[in-house]
Amino acid sequence: MLMHLIVQLVDLYTFIIFIYVLLSWIPTKQGVLQNIDEVLGKLCDPYLDLFKRFIPPLGGMVDISPIIAIVVLQLVVRVLYFIF
């Protein structure tokens, strides 16, 4: 039961990361979008920064660290789910 809740929370966090990455493609954010971006940044940046330290942007422009971060997060929680 507890593990099922953890999986759901991780899935929600994955969705939040996905939305944060999509918002990063909008060049100028004003008003509500800016507020949403700031809140999502406070939620996502501590985790994403772990991967940004080790994975440089491809060609100096394309940051694949969020993809790796999501894959790692999903793999860890799924392995833990099957163990427990």
PDB file of N, CA and C in Angstrom:
ATOM      1  N   MET A   1       0.824  -1.199   0.000  1.00  0.00           N
ATOM      2  CA  MET A   1       0.000   0.000   0.000  1.00  0.00           C
ATOM      3  C   MET A   1       0.869   1.265   0.000  1.00  0.00           C
ATOM      4  N   LEU A   2       1.852   1.324   0.895  1.00  0.00           N
ATOM      5  CA  LEU A   2       2.743   2.479   0.965  1.00  0.00           C
ATOM      6  C   LEU A   2       3.571   2.595  -0.314  1.00  0.00           C
ATOM      7  N   MET A   3       4.033   1.467  -0.819  1.00  0.00           N
ATOM      8  CA  MET A   3       4.848   1.490  -2.035  1.00  0.00           C
ATOM      9  C   MET A   3       4.029   1.986  -3.227  1.00  0.00           C
ATOM     10  N   HIS A   4       2.768   1.618  -3.268  1.00  0.00           N
ATOM     11  CA  HIS A   4       1.890   2.091  -4.342  1.00  0.00           C
ATOM     12  C   HIS A   4       1.754   3.615  -4.286  1.00  0.00           C
ATOM     13  N   LEU A   5       1.630   4.165  -3.103  1.00  0.00           N
ATOM     14  CA  LEU A   5       1.560   5.619  -2.927  1.00  0.00           C
ATOM     15  C   LEU A   5       2.859   6.286  -3.377  1.00  0.00           C
ATOM     16  N   ILE A   6       3.985   5.683  -3.045  1.00  0.00           N
ATOM     17  CA  ILE A   6       5.287   6.233  -3.459  1.00  0.00           C
ATOM     18  C   ILE A   6       5.407   6.244  -4.974  1.00  0.00           C
ATOM     19  N   VAL A   7       4.963   5.169  -5.622  1.00  0.00           N
ATOM     20  CA  VAL A   7       4.999   5.110  -7.088  1.00  0.00           C
ATOM     21  C   VAL A   7       4.141   6.215  -7.683  1.00  0.00           C
ATOM     22  N   GLN A   8       2.967   6.432  -7.124  1.00  0.00           N
ATOM     23  CA  GLN A   8       2.091   7.493  -7.625  1.00  0.00           C
ATOM     24  C   GLN A   8       2.713   8.876  -7.425  1.00  0.00           C
ATOM     25  N   LEU A   9       3.365   9.097  -6.294  1.00  0.00           N
ATOM     26  CA  LEU A   9       4.026  10.381  -6.046  1.00  0.00           C
ATOM     27  C   LEU A   9       5.190  10.600  -7.010  1.00  0.00           C
ATOM     28  N   VAL A  10       5.931   9.549  -7.282  1.00  0.00           N
ATOM     29  CA  VAL A  10       7.039   9.659  -8.236  1.00  0.00           C
ATOM     30  C   VAL A  10       6.506   9.931  -9.636  1.00  0.00           C
ATOM     31  N   ASP A  11       5.409   9.286  -9.997  1.00  0.00           N
ATOM     32  CA  ASP A  11       4.794   9.572 -11.298  1.00  0.00           C
ATOM     33  C   ASP A  11       4.334  11.033 -11.391  1.00  0.00           C
ATOM     34  N   LEU A  12       3.771  11.548 -10.314  1.00  0.00           N
ATOM     35  CA  LEU A  12       3.369  12.958 -10.276  1.00  0.00           C
ATOM     36  C   LEU A  12       4.587  13.874 -10.408  1.00  0.00           C
ATOM     37  N   TYR A  13       5.664  13.553  -9.701  1.00  0.00           N
ATOM     38  CA  TYR A  13       6.882  14.358  -9.785  1.00  0.00           C
ATOM     39  C   TYR A  13       7.464  14.302 -11.195  1.00  0.00           C
ATOM     40  N   THR A  14       7.402  13.146 -11.841  1.00  0.00           N
ATOM     41  CA  THR A  14       7.856  13.018 -13.222  1.00  0.00           C
ATOM     42  C   THR A  14       7.050  13.932 -14.132  1.00  0.00           C
ATOM     43  N   PHE A  15       5.742  13.980 -13.930  1.00  0.00           N
ATOM     44  CA  PHE A  15       4.884  14.860 -14.716  1.00  0.00           C
ATOM     45  C   PHE A  15       5.247  16.321 -14.470  1.00  0.00           C
ATOM     46  N   ILE A  16       5.538  16.673 -13.238  1.00  0.00           N
ATOM     47  CA  ILE A  16       5.929  18.046 -12.903  1.00  0.00           C
ATOM     48  C   ILE A  16       7.235  18.408 -13.611  1.00  0.00           C
ATOM     49  N   ILE A  17       8.199  17.502 -13.626  1.00  0.00           N
ATOM     50  CA  ILE A  17       9.455  17.742 -14.346  1.00  0.00           C
ATOM     51  C   ILE A  17       9.169  17.951 -15.834  1.00  0.00           C
ATOM     52  N   PHE A  18       8.302  17.120 -16.385  1.00  0.00           N
ATOM     53  CA  PHE A  18       7.954  17.228 -17.804  1.00  0.00           C
ATOM     54  C   PHE A  18       7.353  18.603 -18.116  1.00  0.00           C
ATOM     55  N   ILE A  19       6.437  19.069 -17.299  1.00  0.00           N
ATOM     56  CA  ILE A  19       5.826  20.387 -17.495  1.00  0.00           C
ATOM     57  C   ILE A  19       6.886  21.487 -17.370  1.00  0.00           C
ATOM     58  N   TYR A  20       7.785  21.352 -16.401  1.00  0.00           N
ATOM     59  CA  TYR A  20       8.854  22.337 -16.204  1.00  0.00           C
ATOM     60  C   TYR A  20       9.752  22.419 -17.441  1.00  0.00           C
ATOM     61  N   VAL A  21      10.066  21.274 -18.013  1.00  0.00           N
ATOM     62  CA  VAL A  21      10.899  21.256 -19.221  1.00  0.00           C
ATOM     63  C   VAL A  21      10.152  21.901 -20.389  1.00  0.00           C
ATOM     64  N   LEU A  22       8.876  21.591 -20.531  1.00  0.00           N
ATOM     65  CA  LEU A  22       8.096  22.215 -21.608  1.00  0.00           C
ATOM     66  C   LEU A  22       8.030  23.732 -21.441  1.00  0.00           C
ATOM     67  N   LEU A  23       7.871  24.192 -20.212  1.00  0.00           N
ATOM     68  CA  LEU A  23       7.833  25.645 -19.973  1.00  0.00           C
ATOM     69  C   LEU A  23       9.169  26.314 -20.294  1.00  0.00           C
ATOM     70  N   SER A  24      10.252  25.559 -20.219  1.00  0.00           N
ATOM     71  CA  SER A  24      11.561  26.152 -20.518  1.00  0.00           C
ATOM     72  C   SER A  24      11.691  26.511 -21.994  1.00  0.00           C
ATOM     73  N   TRP A  25      10.828  25.974 -22.835  1.00  0.00           N
ATOM     74  CA  TRP A  25      10.873  26.291 -24.265  1.00  0.00           C
ATOM     75  C   TRP A  25      10.179  27.611 -24.582  1.00  0.00           C
ATOM     76  N   ILE A  26       9.437  28.160 -23.630  1.00  0.00           N
ATOM     77  CA  ILE A  26       8.772  29.446 -23.846  1.00  0.00           C
ATOM     78  C   ILE A  26       9.778  30.546 -23.505  1.00  0.00           C
ATOM     79  N   PRO A  27      10.142  31.377 -24.489  1.00  0.00           N
ATOM     80  CA  PRO A  27      11.228  32.342 -24.266  1.00  0.00           C
ATOM     81  C   PRO A  27      10.936  33.406 -23.213  1.00  0.00           C
ATOM     82  N   THR A  28       9.789  34.036 -23.269  1.00  0.00           N
ATOM     83  CA  THR A  28       9.479  35.072 -22.287  1.00  0.00           C
ATOM     84  C   THR A  28       8.217  34.678 -21.534  1.00  0.00           C
ATOM     85  N   LYS A  29       8.363  34.603 -20.236  1.00  0.00           N
ATOM     86  CA  LYS A  29       7.236  34.239 -19.387  1.00  0.00           C
ATOM     87  C   LYS A  29       6.837  35.461 -18.570  1.00  0.00           C
ATOM     88  N   GLN A  30       5.547  35.744 -18.569  1.00  0.00           N
ATOM     89  CA  GLN A  30       5.049  36.880 -17.799  1.00  0.00           C
ATOM     90  C   GLN A  30       3.822  36.444 -17.019  1.00  0.00           C
ATOM     91  N   GLY A  31       3.587  37.100 -15.921  1.00  0.00           N
ATOM     92  CA  GLY A  31       2.377  36.866 -15.143  1.00  0.00           C
ATOM     93  C   GLY A  31       2.318  35.488 -14.526  1.00  0.00           C
ATOM     94  N   VAL A  32       1.236  34.789 -14.806  1.00  0.00           N
ATOM     95  CA  VAL A  32       0.986  33.481 -14.202  1.00  0.00           C
ATOM     96  C   VAL A  32       2.037  32.460 -14.637  1.00  0.00           C
ATOM     97  N   LEU A  33       2.419  32.493 -15.912  1.00  0.00           N
ATOM     98  CA  LEU A  33       3.434  31.543 -16.391  1.00  0.00           C
ATOM     99  C   LEU A  33       4.754  31.718 -15.656  1.00  0.00           C
ATOM    100  N   GLN A  34       5.114  32.948 -15.375  1.00  0.00           N
ATOM    101  CA  GLN A  34       6.351  33.211 -14.646  1.00  0.00           C
ATOM    102  C   GLN A  34       6.259  32.651 -13.230  1.00  0.00           C
ATOM    103  N   ASN A  35       5.117  32.823 -12.588  1.00  0.00           N
ATOM    104  CA  ASN A  35       4.923  32.290 -11.234  1.00  0.00           C
ATOM    105  C   ASN A  35       4.963  30.768 -11.227  1.00  0.00           C
ATOM    106  N   ILE A  36       4.318  30.145 -12.207  1.00  0.00           N
ATOM    107  CA  ILE A  36       4.328  28.688 -12.307  1.00  0.00           C
ATOM    108  C   ILE A  36       5.749  28.190 -12.527  1.00  0.00           C
ATOM    109  N   ASP A  37       6.476  28.869 -13.414  1.00  0.00           N
ATOM    110  CA  ASP A  37       7.858  28.480 -13.699  1.00  0.00           C
ATOM    111  C   ASP A  37       8.733  28.578 -12.453  1.00  0.00           C
ATOM    112  N   GLU A  38       8.543  29.607 -11.649  1.00  0.00           N
ATOM    113  CA  GLU A  38       9.338  29.772 -10.427  1.00  0.00           C
ATOM    114  C   GLU A  38       9.040  28.663  -9.424  1.00  0.00           C
ATOM    115  N   VAL A  39       7.766  28.333  -9.258  1.00  0.00           N
ATOM    116  CA  VAL A  39       7.387  27.265  -8.322  1.00  0.00           C
ATOM    117  C   VAL A  39       7.924  25.917  -8.797  1.00  0.00           C
ATOM    118  N   LEU A  40       7.747  25.628 -10.084  1.00  0.00           N
ATOM    119  CA  LEU A  40       8.250  24.362 -10.620  1.00  0.00           C
ATOM    120  C   LEU A  40       9.776  24.297 -10.549  1.00  0.00           C
ATOM    121  N   GLY A  41      10.419  25.441 -10.741  1.00  0.00           N
ATOM    122  CA  GLY A  41      11.875  25.487 -10.622  1.00  0.00           C
ATOM    123  C   GLY A  41      12.345  25.126  -9.224  1.00  0.00           C
ATOM    124  N   LYS A  42      11.632  25.627  -8.219  1.00  0.00           N
ATOM    125  CA  LYS A  42      11.999  25.305  -6.841  1.00  0.00           C
ATOM    126  C   LYS A  42      11.778  23.829  -6.533  1.00  0.00           C
ATOM    127  N   LEU A  43      10.806  23.218  -7.194  1.00  0.00           N
ATOM    128  CA  LEU A  43      10.535  21.792  -6.987  1.00  0.00           C
ATOM    129  C   LEU A  43      11.485  20.893  -7.769  1.00  0.00           C
ATOM    130  N   CYS A  44      11.818  21.304  -8.984  1.00  0.00           N
ATOM    131  CA  CYS A  44      12.561  20.428  -9.897  1.00  0.00           C
ATOM    132  C   CYS A  44      14.068  20.655  -9.921  1.00  0.00           C
ATOM    133  N   ASP A  45      14.506  21.895  -9.783  1.00  0.00           N
ATOM    134  CA  ASP A  45      15.931  22.198  -9.946  1.00  0.00           C
ATOM    135  C   ASP A  45      16.860  21.444  -8.993  1.00  0.00           C
ATOM    136  N   PRO A  46      16.516  21.258  -7.722  1.00  0.00           N
ATOM    137  CA  PRO A  46      17.449  20.504  -6.866  1.00  0.00           C
ATOM    138  C   PRO A  46      17.732  19.093  -7.398  1.00  0.00           C
ATOM    139  N   TYR A  47      16.710  18.415  -7.895  1.00  0.00           N
ATOM    140  CA  TYR A  47      16.915  17.065  -8.442  1.00  0.00           C
ATOM    141  C   TYR A  47      17.613  17.124  -9.802  1.00  0.00           C
ATOM    142  N   LEU A  48      17.175  18.018 -10.672  1.00  0.00           N
ATOM    143  CA  LEU A  48      17.764  18.096 -12.011  1.00  0.00           C
ATOM    144  C   LEU A  48      19.220  18.560 -11.972  1.00  0.00           C
ATOM    145  N   ASP A  49      19.569  19.396 -11.005  1.00  0.00           N
ATOM    146  CA  ASP A  49      20.949  19.882 -10.896  1.00  0.00           C
ATOM    147  C   ASP A  49      21.935  18.756 -10.619  1.00  0.00           C
ATOM    148  N   LEU A  50      21.481  17.696  -9.966  1.00  0.00           N
ATOM    149  CA  LEU A  50      22.347  16.531  -9.746  1.00  0.00           C
ATOM    150  C   LEU A  50      22.842  15.963 -11.072  1.00  0.00           C
ATOM    151  N   PHE A  51      21.982  15.952 -12.061  1.00  0.00           N
ATOM    152  CA  PHE A  51      22.333  15.385 -13.358  1.00  0.00           C
ATOM    153  C   PHE A  51      23.019  16.400 -14.259  1.00  0.00           C
ATOM    154  N   LYS A  52      22.681  17.666 -14.117  1.00  0.00           N
ATOM    155  CA  LYS A  52      23.300  18.703 -14.940  1.00  0.00           C
ATOM    156  C   LYS A  52      24.789  18.843 -14.644  1.00  0.00           C
ATOM    157  N   ARG A  53      25.200  18.467 -13.433  1.00  0.00           N
ATOM    158  CA  ARG A  53      26.621  18.528 -13.085  1.00  0.00           C
ATOM    159  C   ARG A  53      27.446  17.543 -13.900  1.00  0.00           C
ATOM    160  N   PHE A  54      26.852  16.401 -14.251  1.00  0.00           N
ATOM    161  CA  PHE A  54      27.599  15.327 -14.896  1.00  0.00           C
ATOM    162  C   PHE A  54      27.306  15.182 -16.388  1.00  0.00           C
ATOM    163  N   ILE A  55      26.193  15.732 -16.847  1.00  0.00           N
ATOM    164  CA  ILE A  55      25.799  15.575 -18.243  1.00  0.00           C
ATOM    165  C   ILE A  55      25.799  16.944 -18.910  1.00  0.00           C
ATOM    166  N   PRO A  56      26.809  17.205 -19.737  1.00  0.00           N
ATOM    167  CA  PRO A  56      26.848  18.510 -20.409  1.00  0.00           C
ATOM    168  C   PRO A  56      25.807  18.570 -21.532  1.00  0.00           C
ATOM    169  N   PRO A  57      25.360  19.779 -21.874  1.00  0.00           N
ATOM    170  CA  PRO A  57      24.420  19.915 -22.999  1.00  0.00           C
ATOM    171  C   PRO A  57      25.061  19.447 -24.309  1.00  0.00           C
ATOM    172  N   LEU A  58      24.283  18.790 -25.145  1.00  0.00           N
ATOM    173  CA  LEU A  58      24.783  18.339 -26.445  1.00  0.00           C
ATOM    174  C   LEU A  58      24.884  19.536 -27.383  1.00  0.00           C
ATOM    175  N   GLY A  59      26.041  19.705 -27.967  1.00  0.00           N
ATOM    176  CA  GLY A  59      26.239  20.818 -28.883  1.00  0.00           C
ATOM    177  C   GLY A  59      26.131  22.171 -28.204  1.00  0.00           C
ATOM    178  N   GLY A  60      26.185  22.180 -26.870  1.00  0.00           N
ATOM    179  CA  GLY A  60      26.083  23.418 -26.129  1.00  0.00           C
ATOM    180  C   GLY A  60      24.671  23.961 -25.999  1.00  0.00           C
ATOM    181  N   MET A  61      23.690  23.279 -26.612  1.00  0.00           N
ATOM    182  CA  MET A  61      22.329  23.812 -26.623  1.00  0.00           C
ATOM    183  C   MET A  61      21.284  22.839 -26.066  1.00  0.00           C
ATOM    184  N   VAL A  62      21.392  21.580 -26.380  1.00  0.00           N
ATOM    185  CA  VAL A  62      20.359  20.607 -26.027  1.00  0.00           C
ATOM    186  C   VAL A  62      20.715  19.921 -24.711  1.00  0.00           C
ATOM    187  N   ASP A  63      19.892  20.147 -23.714  1.00  0.00           N
ATOM    188  CA  ASP A  63      20.115  19.574 -22.389  1.00  0.00           C
ATOM    189  C   ASP A  63      19.304  18.290 -22.256  1.00  0.00           C
ATOM    190  N   ILE A  64      20.000  17.155 -22.197  1.00  0.00           N
ATOM    191  CA  ILE A  64      19.304  15.872 -22.074  1.00  0.00           C
ATOM    192  C   ILE A  64      19.244  15.397 -20.627  1.00  0.00           C
ATOM    193  N   SER A  65      19.765  16.191 -19.703  1.00  0.00           N
ATOM    194  CA  SER A  65      19.774  15.767 -18.308  1.00  0.00           C
ATOM    195  C   SER A  65      18.376  15.514 -17.736  1.00  0.00           C
ATOM    196  N   PRO A  66      17.326  16.277 -18.130  1.00  0.00           N
ATOM    197  CA  PRO A  66      15.993  15.936 -17.615  1.00  0.00           C
ATOM    198  C   PRO A  66      15.505  14.557 -18.060  1.00  0.00           C
ATOM    199  N   ILE A  67      15.874  14.158 -19.270  1.00  0.00           N
ATOM    200  CA  ILE A  67      15.486  12.829 -19.746  1.00  0.00           C
ATOM    201  C   ILE A  67      16.150  11.755 -18.900  1.00  0.00           C
ATOM    202  N   ILE A  68      17.448  11.909 -18.662  1.00  0.00           N
ATOM    203  CA  ILE A  68      18.182  10.949 -17.844  1.00  0.00           C
ATOM    204  C   ILE A  68      17.639  10.948 -16.419  1.00  0.00           C
ATOM    205  N   ALA A  69      17.330  12.124 -15.889  1.00  0.00           N
ATOM    206  CA  ALA A  69      16.800  12.237 -14.528  1.00  0.00           C
ATOM    207  C   ALA A  69      15.464  11.513 -14.389  1.00  0.00           C
ATOM    208  N   ILE A  70      14.596  11.655 -15.378  1.00  0.00           N
ATOM    209  CA  ILE A  70      13.300  10.979 -15.345  1.00  0.00           C
ATOM    210  C   ILE A  70      13.478   9.468 -15.446  1.00  0.00           C
ATOM    211  N   VAL A  71      14.347   9.025 -16.336  1.00  0.00           N
ATOM    212  CA  VAL A  71      14.581   7.587 -16.492  1.00  0.00           C
ATOM    213  C   VAL A  71      15.127   6.993 -15.200  1.00  0.00           C
ATOM    214  N   VAL A  72      16.093   7.657 -14.590  1.00  0.00           N
ATOM    215  CA  VAL A  72      16.667   7.160 -13.329  1.00  0.00           C
ATOM    216  C   VAL A  72      15.602   7.115 -12.237  1.00  0.00           C
ATOM    217  N   LEU A  73      14.823   8.166 -12.117  1.00  0.00           N
ATOM    218  CA  LEU A  73      13.768   8.220 -11.110  1.00  0.00           C
ATOM    219  C   LEU A  73      12.770   7.079 -11.293  1.00  0.00           C
ATOM    220  N   GLN A  74      12.338   6.868 -12.506  1.00  0.00           N
ATOM    221  CA  GLN A  74      11.372   5.802 -12.781  1.00  0.00           C
ATOM    222  C   GLN A  74      11.977   4.414 -12.547  1.00  0.00           C
ATOM    223  N   LEU A  75      13.218   4.216 -12.966  1.00  0.00           N
ATOM    224  CA  LEU A  75      13.864   2.918 -12.757  1.00  0.00           C
ATOM    225  C   LEU A  75      14.025   2.590 -11.277  1.00  0.00           C
ATOM    226  N   VAL A  76      14.470   3.567 -10.510  1.00  0.00           N
ATOM    227  CA  VAL A  76      14.689   3.331  -9.075  1.00  0.00           C
ATOM    228  C   VAL A  76      13.384   2.980  -8.382  1.00  0.00           C
ATOM    229  N   VAL A  77      12.334   3.726  -8.650  1.00  0.00           N
ATOM    230  CA  VAL A  77      11.081   3.460  -7.959  1.00  0.00           C
ATOM    231  C   VAL A  77      10.475   2.127  -8.407  1.00  0.00           C
ATOM    232  N   ARG A  78      10.641   1.775  -9.669  1.00  0.00           N
ATOM    233  CA  ARG A  78      10.101   0.497 -10.141  1.00  0.00           C
ATOM    234  C   ARG A  78      10.875  -0.683  -9.547  1.00  0.00           C
ATOM    235  N   VAL A  79      12.188  -0.552  -9.457  1.00  0.00           N
ATOM    236  CA  VAL A  79      12.988  -1.619  -8.830  1.00  0.00           C
ATOM    237  C   VAL A  79      12.591  -1.766  -7.366  1.00  0.00           C
ATOM    238  N   LEU A  80      12.456  -0.666  -6.665  1.00  0.00           N
ATOM    239  CA  LEU A  80      12.027  -0.729  -5.264  1.00  0.00           C
ATOM    240  C   LEU A  80      10.636  -1.336  -5.128  1.00  0.00           C
ATOM    241  N   TYR A  81       9.770  -1.040  -6.071  1.00  0.00           N
ATOM    242  CA  TYR A  81       8.399  -1.578  -6.048  1.00  0.00           C
ATOM    243  C   TYR A  81       8.423  -3.102  -6.144  1.00  0.00           C
ATOM    244  N   PHE A  82       9.271  -3.614  -7.048  1.00  0.00           N
ATOM    245  CA  PHE A  82       9.328  -5.076  -7.213  1.00  0.00           C
ATOM    246  C   PHE A  82      10.048  -5.766  -6.076  1.00  0.00           C
ATOM    247  N   ILE A  83      10.984  -5.067  -5.431  1.00  0.00           N
ATOM    248  CA  ILE A  83      11.681  -5.660  -4.289  1.00  0.00           C
ATOM    249  C   ILE A  83      10.755  -5.757  -3.080  1.00  0.00           C
ATOM    250  N   PHE A  84       9.984  -4.697  -2.849  1.00  0.00           N
ATOM    251  CA  PHE A  84       9.110  -4.696  -1.692  1.00  0.00           C
ATOM    252  C   PHE A  84       7.718  -5.061  -2.109  1.00  0.00           C
TER     253      PHE A  84
END
